[in-house]
Amino acid sequence: MRNPDIILSFIALTLMSFLLHRSNAQTGSQPAAKGFPFTVGGQFDMMKAITHAMKEGGGSGVVYWEGAWITSAIKDQWGQGSSWENCALFDFQGNVMESIDFMKYNYKK
């Protein structure tokens, strides 16, 4: 039975353990989860696993935070760019990465 009121939100998964412009990467000091390396494929596989588990448990799905939070030349009180860029679904040049495809994966298999 599906419960449309259950959504897992504010998920962000580290794609890499470094940043392009900053030294204080979010989640960058933590090791990769077993079986999910800091790669585009690892990010995709983990998001598929989380989304699948959520749907199998009756939830509606997940909300990824914040897939487009890539770096920029803007400077704020914490420095230049985004401290979440290593968790984005876009590369450092703003190109979409294959890991975003977890959103259209066929979870009914």
C-alpha atoms as a PDB file:
ATOM      1  CA  MET A   1       0.000   0.000   0.000  1.00  0.00           C
ATOM      2  CA  ARG A   2       1.374   3.390  -0.971  1.00  0.00           C
ATOM      3  CA  ASN A   3       1.285   6.188   1.570  1.00  0.00           C
ATOM      4  CA  PRO A   4       1.512   9.447  -0.417  1.00  0.00           C
ATOM      5  CA  ASP A   5       2.201  11.360   2.784  1.00  0.00           C
ATOM      6  CA  ILE A   6       5.667   9.850   3.244  1.00  0.00           C
ATOM      7  CA  ILE A   7       8.487  11.534   1.347  1.00  0.00           C
ATOM      8  CA  LEU A   8      12.162  11.399   2.268  1.00  0.00           C
ATOM      9  CA  SER A   9      13.561  14.871   1.704  1.00  0.00           C
ATOM     10  CA  PHE A  10      16.795  16.829   1.975  1.00  0.00           C
ATOM     11  CA  ILE A  11      18.964  14.047   0.593  1.00  0.00           C
ATOM     12  CA  ALA A  12      22.374  15.024  -0.716  1.00  0.00           C
ATOM     13  CA  LEU A  13      25.053  12.510  -1.609  1.00  0.00           C
ATOM     14  CA  THR A  14      28.697  13.247  -2.036  1.00  0.00           C
ATOM     15  CA  LEU A  15      29.906  12.777  -5.562  1.00  0.00           C
ATOM     16  CA  MET A  16      33.508  13.585  -4.752  1.00  0.00           C
ATOM     17  CA  SER A  17      35.500  14.324  -1.631  1.00  0.00           C
ATOM     18  CA  PHE A  18      36.822  17.657  -2.882  1.00  0.00           C
ATOM     19  CA  LEU A  19      35.564  21.017  -4.093  1.00  0.00           C
ATOM     20  CA  LEU A  20      36.651  23.151  -6.998  1.00  0.00           C
ATOM     21  CA  HIS A  21      36.906  26.463  -5.134  1.00  0.00           C
ATOM     22  CA  ARG A  22      36.551  25.804  -1.413  1.00  0.00           C
ATOM     23  CA  SER A  23      38.231  23.777   1.254  1.00  0.00           C
ATOM     24  CA  ASN A  24      35.199  23.159   3.481  1.00  0.00           C
ATOM     25  CA  ALA A  25      33.301  20.554   1.467  1.00  0.00           C
ATOM     26  CA  GLN A  26      30.028  19.340   2.940  1.00  0.00           C
ATOM     27  CA  THR A  27      30.379  15.639   3.843  1.00  0.00           C
ATOM     28  CA  GLY A  28      33.813  15.622   2.212  1.00  0.00           C
ATOM     29  CA  SER A  29      35.656  14.347   5.271  1.00  0.00           C
ATOM     30  CA  GLN A  30      33.431  11.274   5.666  1.00  0.00           C
ATOM     31  CA  PRO A  31      34.350   8.017   3.943  1.00  0.00           C
ATOM     32  CA  ALA A  32      32.191   6.737   1.115  1.00  0.00           C
ATOM     33  CA  ALA A  33      29.417   4.324   2.101  1.00  0.00           C
ATOM     34  CA  LYS A  34      30.321   0.699   1.400  1.00  0.00           C
ATOM     35  CA  GLY A  35      29.441  -0.135  -2.201  1.00  0.00           C
ATOM     36  CA  PHE A  36      28.824   3.508  -3.143  1.00  0.00           C
ATOM     37  CA  PRO A  37      32.101   5.198  -4.120  1.00  0.00           C
ATOM     38  CA  PHE A  38      32.481   8.958  -4.590  1.00  0.00           C
ATOM     39  CA  THR A  39      31.744   8.762  -8.322  1.00  0.00           C
ATOM     40  CA  VAL A  40      28.850   9.586 -10.648  1.00  0.00           C
ATOM     41  CA  GLY A  41      28.005   5.867 -10.702  1.00  0.00           C
ATOM     42  CA  GLY A  42      28.185   5.620  -6.917  1.00  0.00           C
ATOM     43  CA  GLN A  43      25.915   8.634  -6.514  1.00  0.00           C
ATOM     44  CA  PHE A  44      23.447   7.156  -9.041  1.00  0.00           C
ATOM     45  CA  ASP A  45      23.463   3.703  -7.430  1.00  0.00           C
ATOM     46  CA  MET A  46      22.934   5.074  -3.924  1.00  0.00           C
ATOM     47  CA  MET A  47      20.081   7.322  -5.012  1.00  0.00           C
ATOM     48  CA  LYS A  48      18.457   4.357  -6.776  1.00  0.00           C
ATOM     49  CA  ALA A  49      18.829   2.249  -3.620  1.00  0.00           C
ATOM     50  CA  ILE A  50      17.367   4.945  -1.365  1.00  0.00           C
ATOM     51  CA  THR A  51      14.491   5.692  -3.744  1.00  0.00           C
ATOM     52  CA  HIS A  52      13.750   1.989  -4.217  1.00  0.00           C
ATOM     53  CA  ALA A  53      13.689   1.391  -0.447  1.00  0.00           C
ATOM     54  CA  MET A  54      11.411   4.375   0.032  1.00  0.00           C
ATOM     55  CA  LYS A  55       8.972   3.152  -2.614  1.00  0.00           C
ATOM     56  CA  GLU A  56       9.099  -0.446  -1.341  1.00  0.00           C
ATOM     57  CA  GLY A  57       8.273   0.872   2.131  1.00  0.00           C
ATOM     58  CA  GLY A  58       5.149   2.598   0.834  1.00  0.00           C
ATOM     59  CA  GLY A  59       6.488   6.114   0.458  1.00  0.00           C
ATOM     60  CA  SER A  60       6.046   8.353  -2.541  1.00  0.00           C
ATOM     61  CA  GLY A  61       9.728   9.056  -3.172  1.00  0.00           C
ATOM     62  CA  VAL A  62      12.593  11.380  -2.323  1.00  0.00           C
ATOM     63  CA  VAL A  63      13.511  15.034  -2.710  1.00  0.00           C
ATOM     64  CA  TYR A  64      17.172  15.684  -3.563  1.00  0.00           C
ATOM     65  CA  TRP A  65      18.743  18.733  -1.903  1.00  0.00           C
ATOM     66  CA  GLU A  66      20.231  20.628  -3.702  1.00  0.00           C
ATOM     67  CA  GLY A  67      21.159  19.098  -7.012  1.00  0.00           C
ATOM     68  CA  ALA A  68      21.916  22.402  -8.743  1.00  0.00           C
ATOM     69  CA  TRP A  69      23.962  24.020  -5.997  1.00  0.00           C
ATOM     70  CA  ILE A  70      27.105  24.308  -8.088  1.00  0.00           C
ATOM     71  CA  THR A  71      29.932  26.734  -7.578  1.00  0.00           C
ATOM     72  CA  SER A  72      30.086  30.290  -8.853  1.00  0.00           C
ATOM     73  CA  ALA A  73      32.275  33.373  -8.599  1.00  0.00           C
ATOM     74  CA  ILE A  74      30.023  34.769  -5.857  1.00  0.00           C
ATOM     75  CA  LYS A  75      31.722  35.263  -2.500  1.00  0.00           C
ATOM     76  CA  ASP A  76      29.901  35.138   0.808  1.00  0.00           C
ATOM     77  CA  GLN A  77      30.914  35.033   4.464  1.00  0.00           C
ATOM     78  CA  TRP A  78      32.131  31.442   4.004  1.00  0.00           C
ATOM     79  CA  GLY A  79      34.223  32.059   0.887  1.00  0.00           C
ATOM     80  CA  GLN A  80      33.752  31.687  -2.866  1.00  0.00           C
ATOM     81  CA  GLY A  81      31.407  29.208  -4.490  1.00  0.00           C
ATOM     82  CA  SER A  82      29.280  26.516  -2.904  1.00  0.00           C
ATOM     83  CA  SER A  83      30.310  24.177  -0.106  1.00  0.00           C
ATOM     84  CA  TRP A  84      27.757  21.693  -1.497  1.00  0.00           C
ATOM     85  CA  GLU A  85      29.109  21.541  -5.060  1.00  0.00           C
ATOM     86  CA  ASN A  86      30.541  18.080  -4.416  1.00  0.00           C
ATOM     87  CA  CYS A  87      26.983  16.799  -3.860  1.00  0.00           C
ATOM     88  CA  ALA A  88      25.381  18.379  -6.939  1.00  0.00           C
ATOM     89  CA  LEU A  89      23.884  16.568  -9.901  1.00  0.00           C
ATOM     90  CA  PHE A  90      25.899  18.818 -12.233  1.00  0.00           C
ATOM     91  CA  ASP A  91      29.643  18.968 -12.855  1.00  0.00           C
ATOM     92  CA  PHE A  92      31.849  22.002 -12.166  1.00  0.00           C
ATOM     93  CA  GLN A  93      31.007  23.436 -15.583  1.00  0.00           C
ATOM     94  CA  GLY A  94      27.237  23.146 -14.996  1.00  0.00           C
ATOM     95  CA  ASN A  95      26.672  20.098 -17.223  1.00  0.00           C
ATOM     96  CA  VAL A  96      24.084  17.590 -16.011  1.00  0.00           C
ATOM     97  CA  MET A  97      25.576  14.260 -14.890  1.00  0.00           C
ATOM     98  CA  GLU A  98      24.154  10.789 -15.429  1.00  0.00           C
ATOM     99  CA  SER A  99      23.394  10.403 -11.716  1.00  0.00           C
ATOM    100  CA  ILE A 100      20.336  12.632 -12.185  1.00  0.00           C
ATOM    101  CA  ASP A 101      18.726   9.715 -14.025  1.00  0.00           C
ATOM    102  CA  PHE A 102      17.752   8.118 -10.692  1.00  0.00           C
ATOM    103  CA  MET A 103      14.647  10.322 -11.030  1.00  0.00           C
ATOM    104  CA  LYS A 104      13.434   8.519 -14.146  1.00  0.00           C
ATOM    105  CA  TYR A 105      14.669   5.020 -13.293  1.00  0.00           C
ATOM    106  CA  ASN A 106      12.019   2.274 -13.581  1.00  0.00           C
ATOM    107  CA  TYR A 107      11.464   1.253  -9.949  1.00  0.00           C
ATOM    108  CA  LYS A 108       8.679  -1.206 -10.856  1.00  0.00           C
ATOM    109  CA  LYS A 109      11.138  -3.938 -11.923  1.00  0.00           C
END
